[in-house]
Amino acid sequence: MTLPASIRINTMLPFPTLVLGSGPISIAKLNGIWTVGFSFSQLGQQFPALLQYTTDFVLVYDSIAGTYFKVSLASIVAIATNSFRIVTAAGDVTVLINDQNILMNKTVGATTNILFPTAASRAGVPLTIKDYKGDANTNNITIVPFGAETIDGFSGAAAAINGTALIDTNYGKKTYFPLLSGGWYL
């Protein structure tokens, strides 16, 4: 048996035949060299209707370690807006949209209700209440959730009874985290 004749075909087949980048991934070919990169120019410029601060992330580059990592918007907001309000006036306290830390230092000690907004209006940003004066054992601070919202699943009244919504220790503090579905947790 004789072998078939050797046939050589010299074709210019591109490999890969098609390469596309998507989103922030860029693809480039120069002098036969393919480069896969990262390009911010391909990211959208629109602002979402509702930011989910605890589930939306940004990409951060650490130039010292040479690595990328993600950070939640809630973390960035907490760091950027780490502000406090000192309350000295008598009466109940209504939480404002930019409150993050409320320091209770009433000139004349008295029990106080802290009136929370809807949890959804906080966009994932937690709220800390602190007895800054050091008289919460005598003048309790009670957290009052908005409407039918709950704290750790308890109604406002039940949360106060079981201590979830009550600061009654001198210099005590509690941090409340909003649930986007409504309500708060410790």
Foldseek 3Di string as FASTA:
>chain_A
DDDDDDDDDDDDDDPPNDDDDAQQWDWDADPRDIDIDGHNVRHDDDDDPAAQQAPDWDWDADPVVRDIDIDGNLVVLCVVLVDEDEDADDAEAEDDQSAAEYEYAHPDAAAYEYEYDKLLSNSFHKHKYWDNNFQCLPHKYFYAYPDQAEEVPHGSVVCVVVVVGIDNGGGDMDMWTGDNVTHIYD
